[in-house]
Amino acid sequence: MAKTQLNVRVDEATAEAARQRALQRGVSVNRYIEELVNRDAGEVGHTFVEAAADFMKQYASVFADESAAEDERRRGSR
């Protein structure tokens, strides 16, 4: 995969924390930041899926009732 350079500015404490965490994990700072971004992006997707599943649980009966009513209307129009 092609890489793109991204320059960011952070305070020295944040930069040092990134260096230390990367060192503890045995990866480069670049790899550490890449992993953080990928994890964050995955969490957003996961959060969306959880919210959608909760929505469906809450409103499943409404959808089922509406679907049944539509089926009845279709049967009645034959």
PDB file of N, CA and C in Angstrom:
ATOM      1  N   MET A   1       0.848  -1.163   0.000  1.00  0.00           N
ATOM      2  CA  MET A   1       0.000   0.000   0.000  1.00  0.00           C
ATOM      3  C   MET A   1       0.899   1.233   0.000  1.00  0.00           C
ATOM      4  N   ALA A   2       0.560   2.191  -0.844  1.00  0.00           N
ATOM      5  CA  ALA A   2       1.326   3.433  -0.892  1.00  0.00           C
ATOM      6  C   ALA A   2       1.114   4.227   0.385  1.00  0.00           C
ATOM      7  N   LYS A   3       2.135   4.906   0.801  1.00  0.00           N
ATOM      8  CA  LYS A   3       2.066   5.711   2.019  1.00  0.00           C
ATOM      9  C   LYS A   3       2.036   7.183   1.646  1.00  0.00           C
ATOM     10  N   THR A   4       1.343   7.956   2.450  1.00  0.00           N
ATOM     11  CA  THR A   4       1.271   9.397   2.294  1.00  0.00           C
ATOM     12  C   THR A   4       1.859  10.031   3.535  1.00  0.00           C
ATOM     13  N   GLN A   5       2.648  11.054   3.338  1.00  0.00           N
ATOM     14  CA  GLN A   5       3.233  11.743   4.486  1.00  0.00           C
ATOM     15  C   GLN A   5       2.209  12.690   5.072  1.00  0.00           C
ATOM     16  N   LEU A   6       2.126  12.677   6.395  1.00  0.00           N
ATOM     17  CA  LEU A   6       1.207  13.540   7.130  1.00  0.00           C
ATOM     18  C   LEU A   6       2.006  14.197   8.244  1.00  0.00           C
ATOM     19  N   ASN A   7       2.049  15.495   8.250  1.00  0.00           N
ATOM     20  CA  ASN A   7       2.770  16.224   9.297  1.00  0.00           C
ATOM     21  C   ASN A   7       1.760  16.790  10.282  1.00  0.00           C
ATOM     22  N   VAL A   8       1.994  16.563  11.541  1.00  0.00           N
ATOM     23  CA  VAL A   8       1.114  17.091  12.579  1.00  0.00           C
ATOM     24  C   VAL A   8       1.963  17.811  13.616  1.00  0.00           C
ATOM     25  N   ARG A   9       1.347  18.748  14.303  1.00  0.00           N
ATOM     26  CA  ARG A   9       2.029  19.472  15.368  1.00  0.00           C
ATOM     27  C   ARG A   9       1.327  19.149  16.684  1.00  0.00           C
ATOM     28  N   VAL A  10       2.112  18.693  17.632  1.00  0.00           N
ATOM     29  CA  VAL A  10       1.594  18.394  18.964  1.00  0.00           C
ATOM     30  C   VAL A  10       2.560  18.977  19.982  1.00  0.00           C
ATOM     31  N   ASP A  11       2.091  19.151  21.203  1.00  0.00           N
ATOM     32  CA  ASP A  11       3.001  19.656  22.235  1.00  0.00           C
ATOM     33  C   ASP A  11       4.028  18.579  22.572  1.00  0.00           C
ATOM     34  N   GLU A  12       5.098  18.985  23.222  1.00  0.00           N
ATOM     35  CA  GLU A  12       6.204  18.066  23.498  1.00  0.00           C
ATOM     36  C   GLU A  12       5.770  16.885  24.360  1.00  0.00           C
ATOM     37  N   ALA A  13       4.877  17.113  25.304  1.00  0.00           N
ATOM     38  CA  ALA A  13       4.415  16.016  26.175  1.00  0.00           C
ATOM     39  C   ALA A  13       3.685  14.950  25.358  1.00  0.00           C
ATOM     40  N   THR A  14       2.866  15.385  24.407  1.00  0.00           N
ATOM     41  CA  THR A  14       2.147  14.430  23.557  1.00  0.00           C
ATOM     42  C   THR A  14       3.112  13.671  22.666  1.00  0.00           C
ATOM     43  N   ALA A  15       4.074  14.386  22.105  1.00  0.00           N
ATOM     44  CA  ALA A  15       5.080  13.736  21.255  1.00  0.00           C
ATOM     45  C   ALA A  15       5.869  12.708  22.048  1.00  0.00           C
ATOM     46  N   GLU A  16       6.263  13.063  23.261  1.00  0.00           N
ATOM     47  CA  GLU A  16       7.031  12.130  24.089  1.00  0.00           C
ATOM     48  C   GLU A  16       6.187  10.921  24.470  1.00  0.00           C
ATOM     49  N   ALA A  17       4.914  11.150  24.768  1.00  0.00           N
ATOM     50  CA  ALA A  17       4.021  10.034  25.096  1.00  0.00           C
ATOM     51  C   ALA A  17       3.889   9.095  23.903  1.00  0.00           C
ATOM     52  N   ALA A  18       3.774   9.643  22.707  1.00  0.00           N
ATOM     53  CA  ALA A  18       3.683   8.813  21.502  1.00  0.00           C
ATOM     54  C   ALA A  18       4.959   8.006  21.306  1.00  0.00           C
ATOM     55  N   ARG A  19       6.093   8.649  21.507  1.00  0.00           N
ATOM     56  CA  ARG A  19       7.373   7.934  21.372  1.00  0.00           C
ATOM     57  C   ARG A  19       7.477   6.791  22.382  1.00  0.00           C
ATOM     58  N   GLN A  20       7.116   7.073  23.612  1.00  0.00           N
ATOM     59  CA  GLN A  20       7.209   6.061  24.670  1.00  0.00           C
ATOM     60  C   GLN A  20       6.256   4.893  24.414  1.00  0.00           C
ATOM     61  N   ARG A  21       5.020   5.200  24.042  1.00  0.00           N
ATOM     62  CA  ARG A  21       4.046   4.133  23.779  1.00  0.00           C
ATOM     63  C   ARG A  21       4.486   3.286  22.591  1.00  0.00           C
ATOM     64  N   ALA A  22       5.002   3.923  21.560  1.00  0.00           N
ATOM     65  CA  ALA A  22       5.487   3.178  20.396  1.00  0.00           C
ATOM     66  C   ALA A  22       6.647   2.270  20.805  1.00  0.00           C
ATOM     67  N   LEU A  23       7.561   2.812  21.596  1.00  0.00           N
ATOM     68  CA  LEU A  23       8.702   2.032  22.068  1.00  0.00           C
ATOM     69  C   LEU A  23       8.232   0.831  22.891  1.00  0.00           C
ATOM     70  N   GLN A  24       7.270   1.048  23.780  1.00  0.00           N
ATOM     71  CA  GLN A  24       6.737  -0.041  24.603  1.00  0.00           C
ATOM     72  C   GLN A  24       6.104  -1.135  23.746  1.00  0.00           C
ATOM     73  N   ARG A  25       5.499  -0.731  22.656  1.00  0.00           N
ATOM     74  CA  ARG A  25       4.853  -1.700  21.764  1.00  0.00           C
ATOM     75  C   ARG A  25       5.818  -2.304  20.756  1.00  0.00           C
ATOM     76  N   GLY A  26       7.000  -1.734  20.667  1.00  0.00           N
ATOM     77  CA  GLY A  26       7.991  -2.243  19.723  1.00  0.00           C
ATOM     78  C   GLY A  26       7.698  -1.875  18.281  1.00  0.00           C
ATOM     79  N   VAL A  27       7.055  -0.720  18.089  1.00  0.00           N
ATOM     80  CA  VAL A  27       6.745  -0.254  16.738  1.00  0.00           C
ATOM     81  C   VAL A  27       7.242   1.179  16.581  1.00  0.00           C
ATOM     82  N   SER A  28       7.292   1.630  15.337  1.00  0.00           N
ATOM     83  CA  SER A  28       7.671   3.021  15.080  1.00  0.00           C
ATOM     84  C   SER A  28       6.537   3.949  15.513  1.00  0.00           C
ATOM     85  N   VAL A  29       6.875   5.214  15.691  1.00  0.00           N
ATOM     86  CA  VAL A  29       5.837   6.203  16.009  1.00  0.00           C
ATOM     87  C   VAL A  29       4.825   6.258  14.873  1.00  0.00           C
ATOM     88  N   ASN A  30       5.311   6.181  13.642  1.00  0.00           N
ATOM     89  CA  ASN A  30       4.385   6.187  12.495  1.00  0.00           C
ATOM     90  C   ASN A  30       3.379   5.045  12.604  1.00  0.00           C
ATOM     91  N   ARG A  31       3.882   3.845  12.887  1.00  0.00           N
ATOM     92  CA  ARG A  31       3.010   2.672  12.989  1.00  0.00           C
ATOM     93  C   ARG A  31       2.043   2.814  14.166  1.00  0.00           C
ATOM     94  N   TYR A  32       2.540   3.330  15.268  1.00  0.00           N
ATOM     95  CA  TYR A  32       1.702   3.531  16.443  1.00  0.00           C
ATOM     96  C   TYR A  32       0.533   4.474  16.124  1.00  0.00           C
ATOM     97  N   ILE A  33       0.841   5.596  15.480  1.00  0.00           N
ATOM     98  CA  ILE A  33      -0.214   6.557  15.112  1.00  0.00           C
ATOM     99  C   ILE A  33      -1.188   5.923  14.121  1.00  0.00           C
ATOM    100  N   GLU A  34      -0.664   5.184  13.166  1.00  0.00           N
ATOM    101  CA  GLU A  34      -1.516   4.507  12.183  1.00  0.00           C
ATOM    102  C   GLU A  34      -2.472   3.531  12.883  1.00  0.00           C
ATOM    103  N   GLU A  35      -1.969   2.782  13.846  1.00  0.00           N
ATOM    104  CA  GLU A  35      -2.810   1.849  14.599  1.00  0.00           C
ATOM    105  C   GLU A  35      -3.892   2.582  15.387  1.00  0.00           C
ATOM    106  N   LEU A  36      -3.520   3.713  15.996  1.00  0.00           N
ATOM    107  CA  LEU A  36      -4.512   4.497  16.744  1.00  0.00           C
ATOM    108  C   LEU A  36      -5.635   4.979  15.842  1.00  0.00           C
ATOM    109  N   VAL A  37      -5.272   5.490  14.670  1.00  0.00           N
ATOM    110  CA  VAL A  37      -6.283   5.986  13.732  1.00  0.00           C
ATOM    111  C   VAL A  37      -7.167   4.849  13.246  1.00  0.00           C
ATOM    112  N   ASN A  38      -6.556   3.725  12.900  1.00  0.00           N
ATOM    113  CA  ASN A  38      -7.344   2.579  12.437  1.00  0.00           C
ATOM    114  C   ASN A  38      -8.280   2.071  13.529  1.00  0.00           C
ATOM    115  N   ARG A  39      -7.806   2.027  14.752  1.00  0.00           N
ATOM    116  CA  ARG A  39      -8.642   1.586  15.872  1.00  0.00           C
ATOM    117  C   ARG A  39      -9.808   2.555  16.073  1.00  0.00           C
ATOM    118  N   ASP A  40      -9.514   3.848  16.022  1.00  0.00           N
ATOM    119  CA  ASP A  40     -10.550   4.864  16.191  1.00  0.00           C
ATOM    120  C   ASP A  40     -11.591   4.754  15.078  1.00  0.00           C
ATOM    121  N   ALA A  41     -11.151   4.574  13.856  1.00  0.00           N
ATOM    122  CA  ALA A  41     -12.087   4.444  12.735  1.00  0.00           C
ATOM    123  C   ALA A  41     -12.934   3.195  12.889  1.00  0.00           C
ATOM    124  N   GLY A  42     -12.337   2.124  13.368  1.00  0.00           N
ATOM    125  CA  GLY A  42     -13.087   0.890  13.594  1.00  0.00           C
ATOM    126  C   GLY A  42     -14.115   1.038  14.692  1.00  0.00           C
ATOM    127  N   GLU A  43     -13.781   1.801  15.729  1.00  0.00           N
ATOM    128  CA  GLU A  43     -14.716   2.016  16.831  1.00  0.00           C
ATOM    129  C   GLU A  43     -15.934   2.795  16.368  1.00  0.00           C
ATOM    130  N   VAL A  44     -15.724   3.747  15.472  1.00  0.00           N
ATOM    131  CA  VAL A  44     -16.852   4.514  14.950  1.00  0.00           C
ATOM    132  C   VAL A  44     -17.804   3.578  14.215  1.00  0.00           C
ATOM    133  N   GLY A  45     -17.243   2.715  13.376  1.00  0.00           N
ATOM    134  CA  GLY A  45     -18.084   1.750  12.665  1.00  0.00           C
ATOM    135  C   GLY A  45     -18.783   0.817  13.619  1.00  0.00           C
ATOM    136  N   HIS A  46     -18.065   0.361  14.622  1.00  0.00           N
ATOM    137  CA  HIS A  46     -18.646  -0.547  15.608  1.00  0.00           C
ATOM    138  C   HIS A  46     -19.762   0.147  16.379  1.00  0.00           C
ATOM    139  N   THR A  47     -19.543   1.393  16.757  1.00  0.00           N
ATOM    140  CA  THR A  47     -20.556   2.165  17.476  1.00  0.00           C
ATOM    141  C   THR A  47     -21.808   2.327  16.627  1.00  0.00           C
ATOM    142  N   PHE A  48     -21.629   2.593  15.337  1.00  0.00           N
ATOM    143  CA  PHE A  48     -22.779   2.728  14.441  1.00  0.00           C
ATOM    144  C   PHE A  48     -23.568   1.429  14.375  1.00  0.00           C
ATOM    145  N   VAL A  49     -22.874   0.315  14.228  1.00  0.00           N
ATOM    146  CA  VAL A  49     -23.551  -0.979  14.135  1.00  0.00           C
ATOM    147  C   VAL A  49     -24.305  -1.277  15.426  1.00  0.00           C
ATOM    148  N   GLU A  50     -23.692  -0.986  16.573  1.00  0.00           N
ATOM    149  CA  GLU A  50     -24.376  -1.194  17.850  1.00  0.00           C
ATOM    150  C   GLU A  50     -25.626  -0.328  17.955  1.00  0.00           C
ATOM    151  N   ALA A  51     -25.518   0.929  17.538  1.00  0.00           N
ATOM    152  CA  ALA A  51     -26.663   1.836  17.595  1.00  0.00           C
ATOM    153  C   ALA A  51     -27.769   1.354  16.662  1.00  0.00           C
ATOM    154  N   ALA A  52     -27.406   0.892  15.485  1.00  0.00           N
ATOM    155  CA  ALA A  52     -28.401   0.383  14.543  1.00  0.00           C
ATOM    156  C   ALA A  52     -29.085  -0.861  15.103  1.00  0.00           C
ATOM    157  N   ALA A  53     -28.328  -1.738  15.729  1.00  0.00           N
ATOM    158  CA  ALA A  53     -28.906  -2.948  16.321  1.00  0.00           C
ATOM    159  C   ALA A  53     -29.850  -2.586  17.462  1.00  0.00           C
ATOM    160  N   ASP A  54     -29.472  -1.620  18.299  1.00  0.00           N
ATOM    161  CA  ASP A  54     -30.352  -1.175  19.379  1.00  0.00           C
ATOM    162  C   ASP A  54     -31.635  -0.577  18.821  1.00  0.00           C
ATOM    163  N   PHE A  55     -31.501   0.221  17.768  1.00  0.00           N
ATOM    164  CA  PHE A  55     -32.673   0.813  17.125  1.00  0.00           C
ATOM    165  C   PHE A  55     -33.619  -0.270  16.627  1.00  0.00           C
ATOM    166  N   MET A  56     -33.049  -1.270  15.958  1.00  0.00           N
ATOM    167  CA  MET A  56     -33.886  -2.347  15.427  1.00  0.00           C
ATOM    168  C   MET A  56     -34.578  -3.122  16.551  1.00  0.00           C
ATOM    169  N   LYS A  57     -33.875  -3.339  17.659  1.00  0.00           N
ATOM    170  CA  LYS A  57     -34.488  -4.030  18.798  1.00  0.00           C
ATOM    171  C   LYS A  57     -35.655  -3.218  19.341  1.00  0.00           C
ATOM    172  N   GLN A  58     -35.445  -1.911  19.473  1.00  0.00           N
ATOM    173  CA  GLN A  58     -36.483  -1.052  20.036  1.00  0.00           C
ATOM    174  C   GLN A  58     -37.708  -0.970  19.143  1.00  0.00           C
ATOM    175  N   TYR A  59     -37.494  -0.966  17.847  1.00  0.00           N
ATOM    176  CA  TYR A  59     -38.597  -0.734  16.918  1.00  0.00           C
ATOM    177  C   TYR A  59     -38.964  -1.953  16.080  1.00  0.00           C
ATOM    178  N   ALA A  60     -38.472  -3.112  16.436  1.00  0.00           N
ATOM    179  CA  ALA A  60     -38.762  -4.325  15.662  1.00  0.00           C
ATOM    180  C   ALA A  60     -40.258  -4.575  15.571  1.00  0.00           C
ATOM    181  N   SER A  61     -40.973  -4.396  16.670  1.00  0.00           N
ATOM    182  CA  SER A  61     -42.418  -4.648  16.642  1.00  0.00           C
ATOM    183  C   SER A  61     -43.134  -3.658  15.736  1.00  0.00           C
ATOM    184  N   VAL A  62     -42.663  -2.428  15.689  1.00  0.00           N
ATOM    185  CA  VAL A  62     -43.276  -1.429  14.809  1.00  0.00           C
ATOM    186  C   VAL A  62     -43.089  -1.842  13.355  1.00  0.00           C
ATOM    187  N   PHE A  63     -41.862  -2.261  13.014  1.00  0.00           N
ATOM    188  CA  PHE A  63     -41.602  -2.704  11.648  1.00  0.00           C
ATOM    189  C   PHE A  63     -42.419  -3.951  11.315  1.00  0.00           C
ATOM    190  N   ALA A  64     -42.510  -4.867  12.255  1.00  0.00           N
ATOM    191  CA  ALA A  64     -43.284  -6.089  12.028  1.00  0.00           C
ATOM    192  C   ALA A  64     -44.760  -5.762  11.828  1.00  0.00           C
ATOM    193  N   ASP A  65     -45.294  -4.873  12.667  1.00  0.00           N
ATOM    194  CA  ASP A  65     -46.699  -4.473  12.525  1.00  0.00           C
ATOM    195  C   ASP A  65     -46.945  -3.794  11.188  1.00  0.00           C
ATOM    196  N   GLU A  66     -46.052  -2.922  10.794  1.00  0.00           N
ATOM    197  CA  GLU A  66     -46.201  -2.212   9.522  1.00  0.00           C
ATOM    198  C   GLU A  66     -46.115  -3.187   8.355  1.00  0.00           C
ATOM    199  N   SER A  67     -45.200  -4.134   8.459  1.00  0.00           N
ATOM    200  CA  SER A  67     -45.064  -5.132   7.406  1.00  0.00           C
ATOM    201  C   SER A  67     -46.316  -5.993   7.309  1.00  0.00           C
ATOM    202  N   ALA A  68     -46.862  -6.392   8.449  1.00  0.00           N
ATOM    203  CA  ALA A  68     -48.089  -7.189   8.460  1.00  0.00           C
ATOM    204  C   ALA A  68     -49.247  -6.394   7.878  1.00  0.00           C
ATOM    205  N   ALA A  69     -49.341  -5.130   8.216  1.00  0.00           N
ATOM    206  CA  ALA A  69     -50.413  -4.283   7.686  1.00  0.00           C
ATOM    207  C   ALA A  69     -50.280  -4.146   6.176  1.00  0.00           C
ATOM    208  N   GLU A  70     -49.058  -3.990   5.696  1.00  0.00           N
ATOM    209  CA  GLU A  70     -48.845  -3.885   4.243  1.00  0.00           C
ATOM    210  C   GLU A  70     -49.219  -5.191   3.551  1.00  0.00           C
ATOM    211  N   ASP A  71     -48.871  -6.313   4.162  1.00  0.00           N
ATOM    212  CA  ASP A  71     -49.258  -7.613   3.604  1.00  0.00           C
ATOM    213  C   ASP A  71     -50.779  -7.728   3.517  1.00  0.00           C
ATOM    214  N   GLU A  72     -51.473  -7.277   4.550  1.00  0.00           N
ATOM    215  CA  GLU A  72     -52.948  -7.305   4.561  1.00  0.00           C
ATOM    216  C   GLU A  72     -53.502  -6.427   3.453  1.00  0.00           C
ATOM    217  N   ARG A  73     -52.947  -5.226   3.286  1.00  0.00           N
ATOM    218  CA  ARG A  73     -53.425  -4.331   2.225  1.00  0.00           C
ATOM    219  C   ARG A  73     -53.226  -4.967   0.856  1.00  0.00           C
ATOM    220  N   ARG A  74     -52.104  -5.637   0.663  1.00  0.00           N
ATOM    221  CA  ARG A  74     -51.848  -6.275  -0.621  1.00  0.00           C
ATOM    222  C   ARG A  74     -52.810  -7.428  -0.858  1.00  0.00           C
ATOM    223  N   ARG A  75     -53.071  -8.218   0.174  1.00  0.00           N
ATOM    224  CA  ARG A  75     -54.014  -9.329   0.022  1.00  0.00           C
ATOM    225  C   ARG A  75     -55.418  -8.816  -0.277  1.00  0.00           C
ATOM    226  N   GLY A  76     -55.778  -7.708   0.342  1.00  0.00           N
ATOM    227  CA  GLY A  76     -57.119  -7.139   0.142  1.00  0.00           C
ATOM    228  C   GLY A  76     -57.302  -6.526  -1.232  1.00  0.00           C
ATOM    229  N   SER A  77     -56.213  -6.153  -1.876  1.00  0.00           N
ATOM    230  CA  SER A  77     -56.337  -5.508  -3.185  1.00  0.00           C
ATOM    231  C   SER A  77     -56.330  -6.505  -4.342  1.00  0.00           C
ATOM    232  N   ARG A  78     -56.271  -7.787  -4.028  1.00  0.00           N
ATOM    233  CA  ARG A  78     -56.268  -8.805  -5.099  1.00  0.00           C
ATOM    234  C   ARG A  78     -57.644  -9.057  -5.623  1.00  0.00           C
TER     235      ARG A  78
END
